[in-house]
Amino acid sequence: MTEISNELEKLAVIAADLGLSADLRTKAIQLIGNIGTHEALIALLALVANKDLAKEERDLAIQQAREIIKSGR
């Protein structure tokens, strides 16, 4: 579980880092969604609330969050 938390934390930092390419941030958002845990859901919602991210990235984060909620994980 700790390993997943560490990976999730690293992915969340990558997803929010405006110094990185949009493609890399998008991939990180998708990977967070693939983790599918409650912690991943919280990380995705934090990205949705990040006004500095591009609209497309925030939309992707909300889509990923919605999928986690639908799956009931």
N, C-alpha and C. Protein backbone atom coordinates (compact mmCIF):
# COMPACT_ATOMS: atom_id res chain seq x y z
N MET A 1 0.82 -1.19 0.00
CA MET A 1 0.00 0.00 0.00
C MET A 1 0.86 1.26 0.00
N THR A 2 1.96 1.21 0.73
CA THR A 2 2.86 2.36 0.78
C THR A 2 3.46 2.62 -0.59
N GLU A 3 3.75 1.55 -1.32
CA GLU A 3 4.33 1.69 -2.66
C GLU A 3 3.35 2.41 -3.58
N ILE A 4 2.07 2.07 -3.49
CA ILE A 4 1.06 2.74 -4.31
C ILE A 4 0.95 4.20 -3.90
N SER A 5 0.99 4.49 -2.62
CA SER A 5 0.91 5.87 -2.14
C SER A 5 2.08 6.70 -2.66
N ASN A 6 3.28 6.11 -2.65
CA ASN A 6 4.45 6.82 -3.16
C ASN A 6 4.32 7.08 -4.65
N GLU A 7 3.86 6.06 -5.39
CA GLU A 7 3.68 6.22 -6.83
C GLU A 7 2.62 7.28 -7.11
N LEU A 8 1.53 7.24 -6.37
CA LEU A 8 0.45 8.20 -6.54
C LEU A 8 0.93 9.62 -6.27
N GLU A 9 1.71 9.78 -5.22
CA GLU A 9 2.24 11.10 -4.89
C GLU A 9 3.14 11.63 -6.01
N LYS A 10 4.00 10.78 -6.54
CA LYS A 10 4.89 11.18 -7.64
C LYS A 10 4.08 11.55 -8.88
N LEU A 11 3.06 10.75 -9.20
CA LEU A 11 2.23 11.05 -10.36
C LEU A 11 1.46 12.35 -10.19
N ALA A 12 0.98 12.61 -8.98
CA ALA A 12 0.25 13.85 -8.72
C ALA A 12 1.16 15.07 -8.89
N VAL A 13 2.40 14.95 -8.46
CA VAL A 13 3.37 16.05 -8.64
C VAL A 13 3.63 16.27 -10.13
N ILE A 14 3.80 15.20 -10.88
CA ILE A 14 4.03 15.31 -12.33
C ILE A 14 2.81 15.95 -12.99
N ALA A 15 1.61 15.50 -12.64
CA ALA A 15 0.38 16.00 -13.26
C ALA A 15 0.17 17.48 -13.02
N ALA A 16 0.69 18.01 -11.92
CA ALA A 16 0.49 19.42 -11.59
C ALA A 16 1.67 20.31 -11.97
N ASP A 17 2.75 19.71 -12.48
CA ASP A 17 3.97 20.47 -12.79
C ASP A 17 3.85 21.15 -14.15
N LEU A 18 3.62 22.45 -14.14
CA LEU A 18 3.44 23.21 -15.38
C LEU A 18 4.73 23.34 -16.17
N GLY A 19 5.85 22.98 -15.58
CA GLY A 19 7.12 23.02 -16.28
C GLY A 19 7.31 21.83 -17.20
N LEU A 20 6.46 20.82 -17.05
CA LEU A 20 6.53 19.63 -17.90
C LEU A 20 5.57 19.77 -19.08
N SER A 21 5.74 18.92 -20.07
CA SER A 21 4.87 18.99 -21.24
C SER A 21 3.44 18.56 -20.89
N ALA A 22 2.49 19.08 -21.65
CA ALA A 22 1.09 18.72 -21.44
C ALA A 22 0.89 17.22 -21.66
N ASP A 23 1.62 16.64 -22.59
CA ASP A 23 1.51 15.21 -22.88
C ASP A 23 1.90 14.38 -21.66
N LEU A 24 2.97 14.78 -21.00
CA LEU A 24 3.43 14.06 -19.80
C LEU A 24 2.44 14.23 -18.65
N ARG A 25 1.91 15.44 -18.49
CA ARG A 25 0.91 15.67 -17.44
C ARG A 25 -0.35 14.85 -17.70
N THR A 26 -0.77 14.79 -18.95
CA THR A 26 -1.95 14.01 -19.33
C THR A 26 -1.74 12.53 -19.03
N LYS A 27 -0.58 12.01 -19.36
CA LYS A 27 -0.27 10.60 -19.10
C LYS A 27 -0.31 10.34 -17.59
N ALA A 28 0.21 11.27 -16.80
CA ALA A 28 0.19 11.10 -15.34
C ALA A 28 -1.25 11.07 -14.82
N ILE A 29 -2.11 11.92 -15.36
CA ILE A 29 -3.52 11.93 -14.95
C ILE A 29 -4.18 10.60 -15.27
N GLN A 30 -3.89 10.06 -16.46
CA GLN A 30 -4.45 8.77 -16.84
C GLN A 30 -3.97 7.66 -15.92
N LEU A 31 -2.70 7.70 -15.56
CA LEU A 31 -2.15 6.68 -14.67
C LEU A 31 -2.74 6.78 -13.27
N ILE A 32 -3.00 7.99 -12.81
CA ILE A 32 -3.66 8.16 -11.51
C ILE A 32 -5.05 7.52 -11.57
N GLY A 33 -5.76 7.77 -12.66
CA GLY A 33 -7.08 7.16 -12.83
C GLY A 33 -7.02 5.65 -12.84
N ASN A 34 -5.97 5.09 -13.42
CA ASN A 34 -5.81 3.64 -13.48
C ASN A 34 -5.58 3.03 -12.09
N ILE A 35 -5.01 3.80 -11.17
CA ILE A 35 -4.80 3.29 -9.82
C ILE A 35 -6.15 3.02 -9.17
N GLY A 36 -7.09 3.95 -9.34
CA GLY A 36 -8.47 3.71 -8.97
C GLY A 36 -8.81 3.62 -7.50
N THR A 37 -7.95 4.07 -6.63
CA THR A 37 -8.23 4.02 -5.19
C THR A 37 -8.90 5.32 -4.74
N HIS A 38 -9.32 5.32 -3.48
CA HIS A 38 -9.89 6.53 -2.89
C HIS A 38 -8.86 7.66 -2.90
N GLU A 39 -7.61 7.31 -2.61
CA GLU A 39 -6.54 8.31 -2.63
C GLU A 39 -6.34 8.87 -4.04
N ALA A 40 -6.47 8.02 -5.04
CA ALA A 40 -6.36 8.48 -6.44
C ALA A 40 -7.50 9.44 -6.77
N LEU A 41 -8.69 9.11 -6.29
CA LEU A 41 -9.84 9.99 -6.50
C LEU A 41 -9.59 11.37 -5.89
N ILE A 42 -9.07 11.40 -4.69
CA ILE A 42 -8.77 12.67 -4.03
C ILE A 42 -7.71 13.45 -4.82
N ALA A 43 -6.68 12.75 -5.30
CA ALA A 43 -5.64 13.40 -6.09
C ALA A 43 -6.22 13.98 -7.38
N LEU A 44 -7.11 13.24 -8.02
CA LEU A 44 -7.73 13.73 -9.25
C LEU A 44 -8.59 14.96 -8.98
N LEU A 45 -9.34 14.94 -7.90
CA LEU A 45 -10.17 16.09 -7.57
C LEU A 45 -9.33 17.32 -7.24
N ALA A 46 -8.17 17.10 -6.65
CA ALA A 46 -7.26 18.22 -6.39
C ALA A 46 -6.77 18.81 -7.72
N LEU A 47 -6.54 17.96 -8.70
CA LEU A 47 -6.12 18.45 -10.02
C LEU A 47 -7.25 19.22 -10.70
N VAL A 48 -8.47 18.75 -10.53
CA VAL A 48 -9.63 19.45 -11.09
C VAL A 48 -9.72 20.86 -10.51
N ALA A 49 -9.41 20.99 -9.24
CA ALA A 49 -9.49 22.29 -8.56
C ALA A 49 -8.32 23.21 -8.88
N ASN A 50 -7.29 22.67 -9.54
CA ASN A 50 -6.11 23.46 -9.86
C ASN A 50 -6.38 24.35 -11.08
N LYS A 51 -6.62 25.61 -10.83
CA LYS A 51 -6.97 26.57 -11.90
C LYS A 51 -5.82 26.82 -12.88
N ASP A 52 -4.60 26.45 -12.50
CA ASP A 52 -3.45 26.68 -13.37
C ASP A 52 -3.36 25.67 -14.51
N LEU A 53 -3.96 24.50 -14.32
CA LEU A 53 -3.92 23.47 -15.37
C LEU A 53 -4.81 23.88 -16.53
N ALA A 54 -4.48 23.35 -17.70
CA ALA A 54 -5.30 23.61 -18.89
C ALA A 54 -6.68 22.97 -18.71
N LYS A 55 -7.67 23.55 -19.35
CA LYS A 55 -9.04 23.05 -19.25
C LYS A 55 -9.11 21.58 -19.65
N GLU A 56 -8.39 21.19 -20.68
CA GLU A 56 -8.41 19.81 -21.16
C GLU A 56 -7.88 18.84 -20.10
N GLU A 57 -6.84 19.26 -19.39
CA GLU A 57 -6.27 18.43 -18.34
C GLU A 57 -7.23 18.31 -17.16
N ARG A 58 -7.89 19.39 -16.82
CA ARG A 58 -8.87 19.37 -15.74
C ARG A 58 -10.07 18.51 -16.14
N ASP A 59 -10.49 18.61 -17.39
CA ASP A 59 -11.59 17.77 -17.88
C ASP A 59 -11.23 16.29 -17.82
N LEU A 60 -10.00 15.96 -18.21
CA LEU A 60 -9.55 14.58 -18.14
C LEU A 60 -9.53 14.09 -16.70
N ALA A 61 -9.09 14.91 -15.79
CA ALA A 61 -9.05 14.53 -14.38
C ALA A 61 -10.45 14.27 -13.85
N ILE A 62 -11.43 15.07 -14.23
CA ILE A 62 -12.80 14.85 -13.76
C ILE A 62 -13.39 13.59 -14.39
N GLN A 63 -13.03 13.32 -15.64
CA GLN A 63 -13.49 12.08 -16.28
C GLN A 63 -12.92 10.86 -15.57
N GLN A 64 -11.64 10.93 -15.23
CA GLN A 64 -11.00 9.82 -14.53
C GLN A 64 -11.63 9.64 -13.14
N ALA A 65 -11.90 10.74 -12.47
CA ALA A 65 -12.53 10.68 -11.15
C ALA A 65 -13.93 10.06 -11.25
N ARG A 66 -14.65 10.44 -12.28
CA ARG A 66 -16.00 9.91 -12.49
C ARG A 66 -15.95 8.39 -12.69
N GLU A 67 -14.97 7.92 -13.42
CA GLU A 67 -14.83 6.47 -13.65
C GLU A 67 -14.53 5.72 -12.35
N ILE A 68 -13.73 6.32 -11.48
CA ILE A 68 -13.45 5.69 -10.19
C ILE A 68 -14.73 5.61 -9.36
N ILE A 69 -15.51 6.68 -9.38
CA ILE A 69 -16.76 6.69 -8.63
C ILE A 69 -17.73 5.64 -9.19
N LYS A 70 -17.85 5.57 -10.52
CA LYS A 70 -18.73 4.58 -11.15
C LYS A 70 -18.33 3.15 -10.80
N SER A 71 -17.05 2.91 -10.73
CA SER A 71 -16.57 1.55 -10.46
C SER A 71 -16.80 1.13 -9.02
N GLY A 72 -17.03 2.10 -8.14
CA GLY A 72 -17.30 1.81 -6.74
C GLY A 72 -16.10 1.35 -5.96
N ARG A 73 -14.89 1.66 -6.44
CA ARG A 73 -13.68 1.24 -5.72
C ARG A 73 -13.42 2.11 -4.54
